[in-house]
Amino acid sequence: MYRIFCESLDNFFAFNKDAKDGEYRLKIAQPLKALSDIGLYNEWKVKNTDKHKEVNNLIYEINKNINKYPTFSTFSSDLKGYGYESRFTHGFDREVIEEQLKLIDTILKLQYWN
């Protein structure tokens, strides 16, 4: 599932390469890059960035929403296996989180698979 996510996320960004900078869906997808790149995730972790906290919070939300999004079950296990951390953090926009979760689910359902 993780490999499918990584390749499909790359396809999502390639598909949207001509979109304007600041386009909402691309903007909210930026943290997802760290879900497909453990090196980037660890870089953000070492620097203790807000991006790292956002990704950890997103993983927390993925784990919390397994019943709502069944595709998250295997994906959350894969993330844990790769060393990603699930940690709730206050302060992130609920609407953005919901849209990120929908996008992850769409990606996992092979909408951007080649």
PDB file of N, CA and C in Angstrom:
ATOM      1  N   MET A   1       0.828  -1.190   0.000  1.00  0.00           N
ATOM      2  CA  MET A   1       0.000   0.000   0.000  1.00  0.00           C
ATOM      3  C   MET A   1       0.876   1.259   0.000  1.00  0.00           C
ATOM      4  N   TYR A   2       1.975   1.213   0.742  1.00  0.00           N
ATOM      5  CA  TYR A   2       2.859   2.381   0.829  1.00  0.00           C
ATOM      6  C   TYR A   2       3.450   2.711  -0.544  1.00  0.00           C
ATOM      7  N   ARG A   3       3.900   1.709  -1.267  1.00  0.00           N
ATOM      8  CA  ARG A   3       4.473   1.936  -2.596  1.00  0.00           C
ATOM      9  C   ARG A   3       3.433   2.543  -3.527  1.00  0.00           C
ATOM     10  N   ILE A   4       2.225   2.049  -3.459  1.00  0.00           N
ATOM     11  CA  ILE A   4       1.143   2.590  -4.281  1.00  0.00           C
ATOM     12  C   ILE A   4       0.911   4.054  -3.938  1.00  0.00           C
ATOM     13  N   PHE A   5       0.901   4.361  -2.638  1.00  0.00           N
ATOM     14  CA  PHE A   5       0.721   5.751  -2.223  1.00  0.00           C
ATOM     15  C   PHE A   5       1.831   6.631  -2.784  1.00  0.00           C
ATOM     16  N   CYS A   6       3.073   6.198  -2.633  1.00  0.00           N
ATOM     17  CA  CYS A   6       4.220   6.997  -3.087  1.00  0.00           C
ATOM     18  C   CYS A   6       4.157   7.263  -4.587  1.00  0.00           C
ATOM     19  N   GLU A   7       3.917   6.229  -5.358  1.00  0.00           N
ATOM     20  CA  GLU A   7       3.859   6.391  -6.812  1.00  0.00           C
ATOM     21  C   GLU A   7       2.644   7.213  -7.231  1.00  0.00           C
ATOM     22  N   SER A   8       1.528   6.993  -6.582  1.00  0.00           N
ATOM     23  CA  SER A   8       0.320   7.745  -6.914  1.00  0.00           C
ATOM     24  C   SER A   8       0.450   9.211  -6.510  1.00  0.00           C
ATOM     25  N   LEU A   9       1.127   9.485  -5.409  1.00  0.00           N
ATOM     26  CA  LEU A   9       1.345  10.877  -5.010  1.00  0.00           C
ATOM     27  C   LEU A   9       2.223  11.588  -6.038  1.00  0.00           C
ATOM     28  N   ASP A  10       3.262  10.916  -6.502  1.00  0.00           N
ATOM     29  CA  ASP A  10       4.091  11.486  -7.576  1.00  0.00           C
ATOM     30  C   ASP A  10       3.233  11.783  -8.807  1.00  0.00           C
ATOM     31  N   ASN A  11       2.346  10.863  -9.144  1.00  0.00           N
ATOM     32  CA  ASN A  11       1.454  11.063 -10.290  1.00  0.00           C
ATOM     33  C   ASN A  11       0.502  12.235 -10.058  1.00  0.00           C
ATOM     34  N   PHE A  12       0.023  12.383  -8.827  1.00  0.00           N
ATOM     35  CA  PHE A  12      -0.845  13.512  -8.484  1.00  0.00           C
ATOM     36  C   PHE A  12      -0.133  14.827  -8.759  1.00  0.00           C
ATOM     37  N   PHE A  13       1.112  14.943  -8.294  1.00  0.00           N
ATOM     38  CA  PHE A  13       1.854  16.184  -8.508  1.00  0.00           C
ATOM     39  C   PHE A  13       2.189  16.381  -9.987  1.00  0.00           C
ATOM     40  N   ALA A  14       2.491  15.313 -10.697  1.00  0.00           N
ATOM     41  CA  ALA A  14       2.764  15.420 -12.136  1.00  0.00           C
ATOM     42  C   ALA A  14       1.507  15.852 -12.888  1.00  0.00           C
ATOM     43  N   PHE A  15       0.376  15.289 -12.507  1.00  0.00           N
ATOM     44  CA  PHE A  15      -0.899  15.629 -13.132  1.00  0.00           C
ATOM     45  C   PHE A  15      -1.234  17.103 -12.922  1.00  0.00           C
ATOM     46  N   ASN A  16      -0.841  17.638 -11.779  1.00  0.00           N
ATOM     47  CA  ASN A  16      -1.155  19.024 -11.421  1.00  0.00           C
ATOM     48  C   ASN A  16       0.008  19.983 -11.656  1.00  0.00           C
ATOM     49  N   LYS A  17       0.980  19.565 -12.441  1.00  0.00           N
ATOM     50  CA  LYS A  17       2.187  20.384 -12.620  1.00  0.00           C
ATOM     51  C   LYS A  17       1.901  21.744 -13.253  1.00  0.00           C
ATOM     52  N   ASP A  18       0.839  21.851 -14.015  1.00  0.00           N
ATOM     53  CA  ASP A  18       0.509  23.119 -14.665  1.00  0.00           C
ATOM     54  C   ASP A  18      -0.452  23.979 -13.843  1.00  0.00           C
ATOM     55  N   ALA A  19      -0.829  23.494 -12.679  1.00  0.00           N
ATOM     56  CA  ALA A  19      -1.725  24.271 -11.822  1.00  0.00           C
ATOM     57  C   ALA A  19      -0.986  25.488 -11.281  1.00  0.00           C
ATOM     58  N   LYS A  20      -1.739  26.506 -10.986  1.00  0.00           N
ATOM     59  CA  LYS A  20      -1.148  27.734 -10.463  1.00  0.00           C
ATOM     60  C   LYS A  20      -0.598  27.502  -9.061  1.00  0.00           C
ATOM     61  N   ASP A  21       0.525  28.174  -8.771  1.00  0.00           N
ATOM     62  CA  ASP A  21       1.057  28.122  -7.409  1.00  0.00           C
ATOM     63  C   ASP A  21      -0.010  28.651  -6.463  1.00  0.00           C
ATOM     64  N   GLY A  22      -0.136  28.021  -5.330  1.00  0.00           N
ATOM     65  CA  GLY A  22      -1.122  28.440  -4.354  1.00  0.00           C
ATOM     66  C   GLY A  22      -2.484  27.794  -4.553  1.00  0.00           C
ATOM     67  N   GLU A  23      -2.640  26.976  -5.590  1.00  0.00           N
ATOM     68  CA  GLU A  23      -3.899  26.274  -5.796  1.00  0.00           C
ATOM     69  C   GLU A  23      -4.164  25.430  -4.551  1.00  0.00           C
ATOM     70  N   TYR A  24      -5.384  25.501  -4.040  1.00  0.00           N
ATOM     71  CA  TYR A  24      -5.712  24.938  -2.729  1.00  0.00           C
ATOM     72  C   TYR A  24      -5.310  23.474  -2.582  1.00  0.00           C
ATOM     73  N   ARG A  25      -5.694  22.655  -3.528  1.00  0.00           N
ATOM     74  CA  ARG A  25      -5.428  21.217  -3.400  1.00  0.00           C
ATOM     75  C   ARG A  25      -3.924  20.931  -3.388  1.00  0.00           C
ATOM     76  N   LEU A  26      -3.158  21.662  -4.189  1.00  0.00           N
ATOM     77  CA  LEU A  26      -1.700  21.487  -4.173  1.00  0.00           C
ATOM     78  C   LEU A  26      -1.109  21.970  -2.856  1.00  0.00           C
ATOM     79  N   LYS A  27      -1.647  23.056  -2.356  1.00  0.00           N
ATOM     80  CA  LYS A  27      -1.153  23.618  -1.092  1.00  0.00           C
ATOM     81  C   LYS A  27      -1.345  22.627   0.059  1.00  0.00           C
ATOM     82  N   ILE A  28      -2.538  22.047   0.147  1.00  0.00           N
ATOM     83  CA  ILE A  28      -2.783  21.121   1.257  1.00  0.00           C
ATOM     84  C   ILE A  28      -2.066  19.790   1.067  1.00  0.00           C
ATOM     85  N   ALA A  29      -1.637  19.511  -0.161  1.00  0.00           N
ATOM     86  CA  ALA A  29      -0.936  18.249  -0.441  1.00  0.00           C
ATOM     87  C   ALA A  29       0.544  18.307  -0.088  1.00  0.00           C
ATOM     88  N   GLN A  30       1.102  19.475   0.133  1.00  0.00           N
ATOM     89  CA  GLN A  30       2.539  19.595   0.382  1.00  0.00           C
ATOM     90  C   GLN A  30       3.029  18.724   1.548  1.00  0.00           C
ATOM     91  N   PRO A  31       2.324  18.681   2.685  1.00  0.00           N
ATOM     92  CA  PRO A  31       2.794  17.816   3.783  1.00  0.00           C
ATOM     93  C   PRO A  31       2.808  16.334   3.419  1.00  0.00           C
ATOM     94  N   LEU A  32       2.004  15.936   2.442  1.00  0.00           N
ATOM     95  CA  LEU A  32       1.955  14.531   2.042  1.00  0.00           C
ATOM     96  C   LEU A  32       3.273  14.076   1.433  1.00  0.00           C
ATOM     97  N   LYS A  33       4.053  15.026   0.932  1.00  0.00           N
ATOM     98  CA  LYS A  33       5.357  14.673   0.359  1.00  0.00           C
ATOM     99  C   LYS A  33       6.223  13.953   1.389  1.00  0.00           C
ATOM    100  N   ALA A  34       6.122  14.368   2.652  1.00  0.00           N
ATOM    101  CA  ALA A  34       6.917  13.726   3.706  1.00  0.00           C
ATOM    102  C   ALA A  34       6.408  12.326   4.025  1.00  0.00           C
ATOM    103  N   LEU A  35       5.145  12.041   3.692  1.00  0.00           N
ATOM    104  CA  LEU A  35       4.631  10.685   3.891  1.00  0.00           C
ATOM    105  C   LEU A  35       5.200   9.721   2.859  1.00  0.00           C
ATOM    106  N   SER A  36       5.690  10.257   1.760  1.00  0.00           N
ATOM    107  CA  SER A  36       6.265   9.388   0.732  1.00  0.00           C
ATOM    108  C   SER A  36       7.788   9.484   0.675  1.00  0.00           C
ATOM    109  N   ASP A  37       8.363  10.261   1.572  1.00  0.00           N
ATOM    110  CA  ASP A  37       9.814  10.465   1.586  1.00  0.00           C
ATOM    111  C   ASP A  37      10.301  10.484   3.034  1.00  0.00           C
ATOM    112  N   ILE A  38      10.715   9.333   3.533  1.00  0.00           N
ATOM    113  CA  ILE A  38      11.146   9.227   4.930  1.00  0.00           C
ATOM    114  C   ILE A  38      12.348  10.126   5.211  1.00  0.00           C
ATOM    115  N   GLY A  39      13.180  10.368   4.211  1.00  0.00           N
ATOM    116  CA  GLY A  39      14.319  11.268   4.381  1.00  0.00           C
ATOM    117  C   GLY A  39      13.868  12.688   4.668  1.00  0.00           C
ATOM    118  N   LEU A  40      12.879  13.169   3.919  1.00  0.00           N
ATOM    119  CA  LEU A  40      12.323  14.497   4.150  1.00  0.00           C
ATOM    120  C   LEU A  40      11.663  14.555   5.523  1.00  0.00           C
ATOM    121  N   TYR A  41      10.918  13.518   5.853  1.00  0.00           N
ATOM    122  CA  TYR A  41      10.264  13.442   7.164  1.00  0.00           C
ATOM    123  C   TYR A  41      11.299  13.541   8.288  1.00  0.00           C
ATOM    124  N   ASN A  42      12.379  12.783   8.179  1.00  0.00           N
ATOM    125  CA  ASN A  42      13.416  12.808   9.217  1.00  0.00           C
ATOM    126  C   ASN A  42      14.150  14.144   9.255  1.00  0.00           C
ATOM    127  N   GLU A  43      14.317  14.776   8.097  1.00  0.00           N
ATOM    128  CA  GLU A  43      14.930  16.107   8.055  1.00  0.00           C
ATOM    129  C   GLU A  43      14.072  17.100   8.831  1.00  0.00           C
ATOM    130  N   TRP A  44      12.766  17.063   8.594  1.00  0.00           N
ATOM    131  CA  TRP A  44      11.849  17.939   9.321  1.00  0.00           C
ATOM    132  C   TRP A  44      11.839  17.600  10.808  1.00  0.00           C
ATOM    133  N   LYS A  45      11.999  16.322  11.133  1.00  0.00           N
ATOM    134  CA  LYS A  45      12.020  15.885  12.531  1.00  0.00           C
ATOM    135  C   LYS A  45      13.231  16.459  13.256  1.00  0.00           C
ATOM    136  N   VAL A  46      14.404  16.367  12.640  1.00  0.00           N
ATOM    137  CA  VAL A  46      15.637  16.886  13.246  1.00  0.00           C
ATOM    138  C   VAL A  46      15.519  18.387  13.487  1.00  0.00           C
ATOM    139  N   LYS A  47      14.911  19.085  12.534  1.00  0.00           N
ATOM    140  CA  LYS A  47      14.753  20.540  12.645  1.00  0.00           C
ATOM    141  C   LYS A  47      13.565  20.931  13.524  1.00  0.00           C
ATOM    142  N   ASN A  48      12.773  19.928  13.944  1.00  0.00           N
ATOM    143  CA  ASN A  48      11.593  20.145  14.778  1.00  0.00           C
ATOM    144  C   ASN A  48      10.669  21.214  14.178  1.00  0.00           C
ATOM    145  N   THR A  49      10.364  21.057  12.908  1.00  0.00           N
ATOM    146  CA  THR A  49       9.561  22.047  12.199  1.00  0.00           C
ATOM    147  C   THR A  49       8.067  21.840  12.434  1.00  0.00           C
ATOM    148  N   ASP A  50       7.304  22.891  12.144  1.00  0.00           N
ATOM    149  CA  ASP A  50       5.852  22.770  12.194  1.00  0.00           C
ATOM    150  C   ASP A  50       5.361  21.774  11.150  1.00  0.00           C
ATOM    151  N   LYS A  51       6.090  21.655  10.048  1.00  0.00           N
ATOM    152  CA  LYS A  51       5.722  20.681   9.020  1.00  0.00           C
ATOM    153  C   LYS A  51       5.774  19.264   9.585  1.00  0.00           C
ATOM    154  N   HIS A  52       6.807  18.983  10.388  1.00  0.00           N
ATOM    155  CA  HIS A  52       6.923  17.662  11.014  1.00  0.00           C
ATOM    156  C   HIS A  52       5.752  17.421  11.959  1.00  0.00           C
ATOM    157  N   LYS A  53       5.402  18.425  12.736  1.00  0.00           N
ATOM    158  CA  LYS A  53       4.267  18.298  13.654  1.00  0.00           C
ATOM    159  C   LYS A  53       2.968  18.084  12.881  1.00  0.00           C
ATOM    160  N   GLU A  54       2.841  18.775  11.743  1.00  0.00           N
ATOM    161  CA  GLU A  54       1.644  18.607  10.919  1.00  0.00           C
ATOM    162  C   GLU A  54       1.548  17.188  10.365  1.00  0.00           C
ATOM    163  N   VAL A  55       2.664  16.641   9.925  1.00  0.00           N
ATOM    164  CA  VAL A  55       2.668  15.273   9.394  1.00  0.00           C
ATOM    165  C   VAL A  55       2.330  14.277  10.504  1.00  0.00           C
ATOM    166  N   ASN A  56       2.916  14.440  11.687  1.00  0.00           N
ATOM    167  CA  ASN A  56       2.602  13.548  12.808  1.00  0.00           C
ATOM    168  C   ASN A  56       1.126  13.629  13.168  1.00  0.00           C
ATOM    169  N   ASN A  57       0.581  14.844  13.147  1.00  0.00           N
ATOM    170  CA  ASN A  57      -0.834  15.019  13.440  1.00  0.00           C
ATOM    171  C   ASN A  57      -1.691  14.363  12.357  1.00  0.00           C
ATOM    172  N   LEU A  58      -1.262  14.477  11.121  1.00  0.00           N
ATOM    173  CA  LEU A  58      -1.988  13.847  10.021  1.00  0.00           C
ATOM    174  C   LEU A  58      -1.977  12.324  10.161  1.00  0.00           C
ATOM    175  N   ILE A  59      -0.855  11.770  10.578  1.00  0.00           N
ATOM    176  CA  ILE A  59      -0.778  10.321  10.815  1.00  0.00           C
ATOM    177  C   ILE A  59      -1.713   9.926  11.957  1.00  0.00           C
ATOM    178  N   TYR A  60      -1.768  10.757  12.996  1.00  0.00           N
ATOM    179  CA  TYR A  60      -2.716  10.534  14.089  1.00  0.00           C
ATOM    180  C   TYR A  60      -4.145  10.473  13.528  1.00  0.00           C
ATOM    181  N   GLU A  61      -4.467  11.421  12.653  1.00  0.00           N
ATOM    182  CA  GLU A  61      -5.807  11.471  12.057  1.00  0.00           C
ATOM    183  C   GLU A  61      -6.065  10.263  11.155  1.00  0.00           C
ATOM    184  N   ILE A  62      -5.053   9.821  10.440  1.00  0.00           N
ATOM    185  CA  ILE A  62      -5.185   8.615   9.612  1.00  0.00           C
ATOM    186  C   ILE A  62      -5.549   7.433  10.509  1.00  0.00           C
ATOM    187  N   ASN A  63      -4.825   7.274  11.606  1.00  0.00           N
ATOM    188  CA  ASN A  63      -5.092   6.167  12.534  1.00  0.00           C
ATOM    189  C   ASN A  63      -6.484   6.270  13.144  1.00  0.00           C
ATOM    190  N   LYS A  64      -6.909   7.485  13.445  1.00  0.00           N
ATOM    191  CA  LYS A  64      -8.203   7.714  14.079  1.00  0.00           C
ATOM    192  C   LYS A  64      -9.371   7.466  13.113  1.00  0.00           C
ATOM    193  N   ASN A  65      -9.128   7.571  11.827  1.00  0.00           N
ATOM    194  CA  ASN A  65     -10.202   7.496  10.833  1.00  0.00           C
ATOM    195  C   ASN A  65     -10.207   6.214  10.008  1.00  0.00           C
ATOM    196  N   ILE A  66      -9.659   5.153  10.556  1.00  0.00           N
ATOM    197  CA  ILE A  66      -9.613   3.876   9.840  1.00  0.00           C
ATOM    198  C   ILE A  66     -11.019   3.358   9.517  1.00  0.00           C
ATOM    199  N   ASN A  67     -11.974   3.568  10.402  1.00  0.00           N
ATOM    200  CA  ASN A  67     -13.339   3.093  10.134  1.00  0.00           C
ATOM    201  C   ASN A  67     -14.014   3.902   9.035  1.00  0.00           C
ATOM    202  N   LYS A  68     -13.723   5.186   8.981  1.00  0.00           N
ATOM    203  CA  LYS A  68     -14.312   6.058   7.961  1.00  0.00           C
ATOM    204  C   LYS A  68     -13.673   5.817   6.595  1.00  0.00           C
ATOM    205  N   TYR A  69     -12.364   5.579   6.597  1.00  0.00           N
ATOM    206  CA  TYR A  69     -11.606   5.354   5.368  1.00  0.00           C
ATOM    207  C   TYR A  69     -10.880   4.008   5.480  1.00  0.00           C
ATOM    208  N   PRO A  70     -11.496   2.921   5.056  1.00  0.00           N
ATOM    209  CA  PRO A  70     -10.887   1.592   5.201  1.00  0.00           C
ATOM    210  C   PRO A  70      -9.506   1.456   4.553  1.00  0.00           C
ATOM    211  N   THR A  71      -9.221   2.271   3.534  1.00  0.00           N
ATOM    212  CA  THR A  71      -7.897   2.205   2.901  1.00  0.00           C
ATOM    213  C   THR A  71      -6.787   2.586   3.878  1.00  0.00           C
ATOM    214  N   PHE A  72      -7.154   3.263   4.958  1.00  0.00           N
ATOM    215  CA  PHE A  72      -6.153   3.724   5.924  1.00  0.00           C
ATOM    216  C   PHE A  72      -5.612   2.595   6.797  1.00  0.00           C
ATOM    217  N   SER A  73      -6.318   1.492   6.893  1.00  0.00           N
ATOM    218  CA  SER A  73      -5.905   0.412   7.789  1.00  0.00           C
ATOM    219  C   SER A  73      -4.506  -0.103   7.460  1.00  0.00           C
ATOM    220  N   THR A  74      -4.318  -0.568   6.259  1.00  0.00           N
ATOM    221  CA  THR A  74      -3.008  -1.079   5.849  1.00  0.00           C
ATOM    222  C   THR A  74      -1.991   0.048   5.760  1.00  0.00           C
ATOM    223  N   PHE A  75      -2.427   1.198   5.234  1.00  0.00           N
ATOM    224  CA  PHE A  75      -1.519   2.332   5.067  1.00  0.00           C
ATOM    225  C   PHE A  75      -0.943   2.780   6.409  1.00  0.00           C
ATOM    226  N   SER A  76      -1.769   2.836   7.442  1.00  0.00           N
ATOM    227  CA  SER A  76      -1.276   3.262   8.759  1.00  0.00           C
ATOM    228  C   SER A  76      -0.255   2.268   9.309  1.00  0.00           C
ATOM    229  N   SER A  77      -0.472   0.993   9.072  1.00  0.00           N
ATOM    230  CA  SER A  77       0.506  -0.019   9.500  1.00  0.00           C
ATOM    231  C   SER A  77       1.819   0.141   8.748  1.00  0.00           C
ATOM    232  N   ASP A  78       1.725   0.423   7.455  1.00  0.00           N
ATOM    233  CA  ASP A  78       2.930   0.655   6.655  1.00  0.00           C
ATOM    234  C   ASP A  78       3.706   1.860   7.179  1.00  0.00           C
ATOM    235  N   LEU A  79       2.997   2.942   7.473  1.00  0.00           N
ATOM    236  CA  LEU A  79       3.665   4.145   7.985  1.00  0.00           C
ATOM    237  C   LEU A  79       4.395   3.845   9.290  1.00  0.00           C
ATOM    238  N   LYS A  80       3.734   3.119  10.171  1.00  0.00           N
ATOM    239  CA  LYS A  80       4.367   2.750  11.441  1.00  0.00           C
ATOM    240  C   LYS A  80       5.616   1.912  11.191  1.00  0.00           C
ATOM    241  N   GLY A  81       5.529   0.984  10.264  1.00  0.00           N
ATOM    242  CA  GLY A  81       6.664   0.127   9.932  1.00  0.00           C
ATOM    243  C   GLY A  81       7.857   0.891   9.384  1.00  0.00           C
ATOM    244  N   TYR A  82       7.590   1.997   8.711  1.00  0.00           N
ATOM    245  CA  TYR A  82       8.669   2.824   8.169  1.00  0.00           C
ATOM    246  C   TYR A  82       9.224   3.808   9.198  1.00  0.00           C
ATOM    247  N   GLY A  83       8.621   3.863  10.371  1.00  0.00           N
ATOM    248  CA  GLY A  83       9.138   4.726  11.426  1.00  0.00           C
ATOM    249  C   GLY A  83       8.433   6.060  11.581  1.00  0.00           C
ATOM    250  N   TYR A  84       7.308   6.225  10.920  1.00  0.00           N
ATOM    251  CA  TYR A  84       6.537   7.458  11.076  1.00  0.00           C
ATOM    252  C   TYR A  84       5.846   7.453  12.437  1.00  0.00           C
ATOM    253  N   GLU A  85       5.690   8.639  13.010  1.00  0.00           N
ATOM    254  CA  GLU A  85       5.098   8.777  14.338  1.00  0.00           C
ATOM    255  C   GLU A  85       3.701   9.381  14.249  1.00  0.00           C
ATOM    256  N   SER A  86       2.820   8.877  15.082  1.00  0.00           N
ATOM    257  CA  SER A  86       1.465   9.389  15.196  1.00  0.00           C
ATOM    258  C   SER A  86       1.386  10.222  16.469  1.00  0.00           C
ATOM    259  N   ARG A  87       1.134  11.522  16.308  1.00  0.00           N
ATOM    260  CA  ARG A  87       1.085  12.380  17.490  1.00  0.00           C
ATOM    261  C   ARG A  87       0.086  13.509  17.259  1.00  0.00           C
ATOM    262  N   PHE A  88      -0.910  13.593  18.138  1.00  0.00           N
ATOM    263  CA  PHE A  88      -1.889  14.675  18.055  1.00  0.00           C
ATOM    264  C   PHE A  88      -1.235  15.988  18.455  1.00  0.00           C
ATOM    265  N   THR A  89      -1.516  17.023  17.686  1.00  0.00           N
ATOM    266  CA  THR A  89      -1.031  18.365  17.987  1.00  0.00           C
ATOM    267  C   THR A  89      -2.172  19.345  17.745  1.00  0.00           C
ATOM    268  N   HIS A  90      -2.423  20.205  18.726  1.00  0.00           N
ATOM    269  CA  HIS A  90      -3.446  21.248  18.578  1.00  0.00           C
ATOM    270  C   HIS A  90      -2.994  22.292  17.569  1.00  0.00           C
ATOM    271  N   GLY A  91      -3.954  22.976  16.985  1.00  0.00           N
ATOM    272  CA  GLY A  91      -3.642  24.153  16.193  1.00  0.00           C
ATOM    273  C   GLY A  91      -3.738  24.003  14.690  1.00  0.00           C
ATOM    274  N   PHE A  92      -4.011  22.805  14.203  1.00  0.00           N
ATOM    275  CA  PHE A  92      -4.125  22.636  12.760  1.00  0.00           C
ATOM    276  C   PHE A  92      -5.590  22.745  12.350  1.00  0.00           C
ATOM    277  N   ASP A  93      -5.823  23.393  11.234  1.00  0.00           N
ATOM    278  CA  ASP A  93      -7.158  23.679  10.725  1.00  0.00           C
ATOM    279  C   ASP A  93      -7.910  22.376  10.423  1.00  0.00           C
ATOM    280  N   ARG A  94      -9.053  22.211  11.076  1.00  0.00           N
ATOM    281  CA  ARG A  94      -9.845  20.981  10.936  1.00  0.00           C
ATOM    282  C   ARG A  94     -10.291  20.761   9.482  1.00  0.00           C
ATOM    283  N   GLU A  95     -10.684  21.832   8.813  1.00  0.00           N
ATOM    284  CA  GLU A  95     -11.135  21.721   7.423  1.00  0.00           C
ATOM    285  C   GLU A  95      -9.999  21.240   6.516  1.00  0.00           C
ATOM    286  N   VAL A  96      -8.809  21.753   6.731  1.00  0.00           N
ATOM    287  CA  VAL A  96      -7.651  21.333   5.943  1.00  0.00           C
ATOM    288  C   VAL A  96      -7.353  19.860   6.209  1.00  0.00           C
ATOM    289  N   ILE A  97      -7.395  19.459   7.466  1.00  0.00           N
ATOM    290  CA  ILE A  97      -7.144  18.054   7.816  1.00  0.00           C
ATOM    291  C   ILE A  97      -8.140  17.144   7.097  1.00  0.00           C
ATOM    292  N   GLU A  98      -9.410  17.519   7.124  1.00  0.00           N
ATOM    293  CA  GLU A  98     -10.435  16.699   6.461  1.00  0.00           C
ATOM    294  C   GLU A  98     -10.167  16.591   4.963  1.00  0.00           C
ATOM    295  N   GLU A  99      -9.760  17.683   4.348  1.00  0.00           N
ATOM    296  CA  GLU A  99      -9.451  17.655   2.915  1.00  0.00           C
ATOM    297  C   GLU A  99      -8.202  16.822   2.633  1.00  0.00           C
ATOM    298  N   GLN A 100      -7.217  16.897   3.508  1.00  0.00           N
ATOM    299  CA  GLN A 100      -6.017  16.067   3.349  1.00  0.00           C
ATOM    300  C   GLN A 100      -6.363  14.590   3.455  1.00  0.00           C
ATOM    301  N   LEU A 101      -7.222  14.246   4.405  1.00  0.00           N
ATOM    302  CA  LEU A 101      -7.634  12.848   4.561  1.00  0.00           C
ATOM    303  C   LEU A 101      -8.381  12.354   3.323  1.00  0.00           C
ATOM    304  N   LYS A 102      -9.258  13.188   2.780  1.00  0.00           N
ATOM    305  CA  LYS A 102      -9.977  12.812   1.557  1.00  0.00           C
ATOM    306  C   LYS A 102      -9.004  12.606   0.400  1.00  0.00           C
ATOM    307  N   LEU A 103      -8.011  13.478   0.303  1.00  0.00           N
ATOM    308  CA  LEU A 103      -7.026  13.357  -0.771  1.00  0.00           C
ATOM    309  C   LEU A 103      -6.206  12.078  -0.616  1.00  0.00           C
ATOM    310  N   ILE A 104      -5.784  11.772   0.598  1.00  0.00           N
ATOM    311  CA  ILE A 104      -5.034  10.534   0.843  1.00  0.00           C
ATOM    312  C   ILE A 104      -5.882   9.328   0.455  1.00  0.00           C
ATOM    313  N   ASP A 105      -7.146   9.342   0.841  1.00  0.00           N
ATOM    314  CA  ASP A 105      -8.039   8.239   0.491  1.00  0.00           C
ATOM    315  C   ASP A 105      -8.177   8.111  -1.026  1.00  0.00           C
ATOM    316  N   THR A 106      -8.324   9.226  -1.702  1.00  0.00           N
ATOM    317  CA  THR A 106      -8.422   9.215  -3.165  1.00  0.00           C
ATOM    318  C   THR A 106      -7.162   8.630  -3.789  1.00  0.00           C
ATOM    319  N   ILE A 107      -6.014   9.024  -3.270  1.00  0.00           N
ATOM    320  CA  ILE A 107      -4.738   8.507  -3.778  1.00  0.00           C
ATOM    321  C   ILE A 107      -4.640   7.003  -3.534  1.00  0.00           C
ATOM    322  N   LEU A 108      -5.034   6.564  -2.350  1.00  0.00           N
ATOM    323  CA  LEU A 108      -4.967   5.138  -2.025  1.00  0.00           C
ATOM    324  C   LEU A 108      -5.968   4.307  -2.831  1.00  0.00           C
ATOM    325  N   LYS A 109      -7.007   4.947  -3.327  1.00  0.00           N
ATOM    326  CA  LYS A 109      -7.997   4.242  -4.157  1.00  0.00           C
ATOM    327  C   LYS A 109      -7.599   4.235  -5.630  1.00  0.00           C
ATOM    328  N   LEU A 110      -6.341   4.567  -5.892  1.00  0.00           N
ATOM    329  CA  LEU A 110      -5.740   4.445  -7.226  1.00  0.00           C
ATOM    330  C   LEU A 110      -6.253   5.450  -8.250  1.00  0.00           C
ATOM    331  N   GLN A 111      -6.779   6.584  -7.804  1.00  0.00           N
ATOM    332  CA  GLN A 111      -7.253   7.597  -8.742  1.00  0.00           C
ATOM    333  C   GLN A 111      -6.120   8.211  -9.557  1.00  0.00           C
ATOM    334  N   TYR A 112      -4.912   8.158  -9.028  1.00  0.00           N
ATOM    335  CA  TYR A 112      -3.758   8.727  -9.728  1.00  0.00           C
ATOM    336  C   TYR A 112      -2.741   7.655 -10.106  1.00  0.00           C
ATOM    337  N   TRP A 113      -3.174   6.423 -10.143  1.00  0.00           N
ATOM    338  CA  TRP A 113      -2.297   5.298 -10.468  1.00  0.00           C
ATOM    339  C   TRP A 113      -2.121   5.214 -11.981  1.00  0.00           C
ATOM    340  N   ASN A 114      -0.910   4.942 -12.410  1.00  0.00           N
ATOM    341  CA  ASN A 114      -0.639   4.748 -13.841  1.00  0.00           C
ATOM    342  C   ASN A 114      -0.430   3.295 -14.133  1.00  0.00           C
TER     343      ASN A 114
END
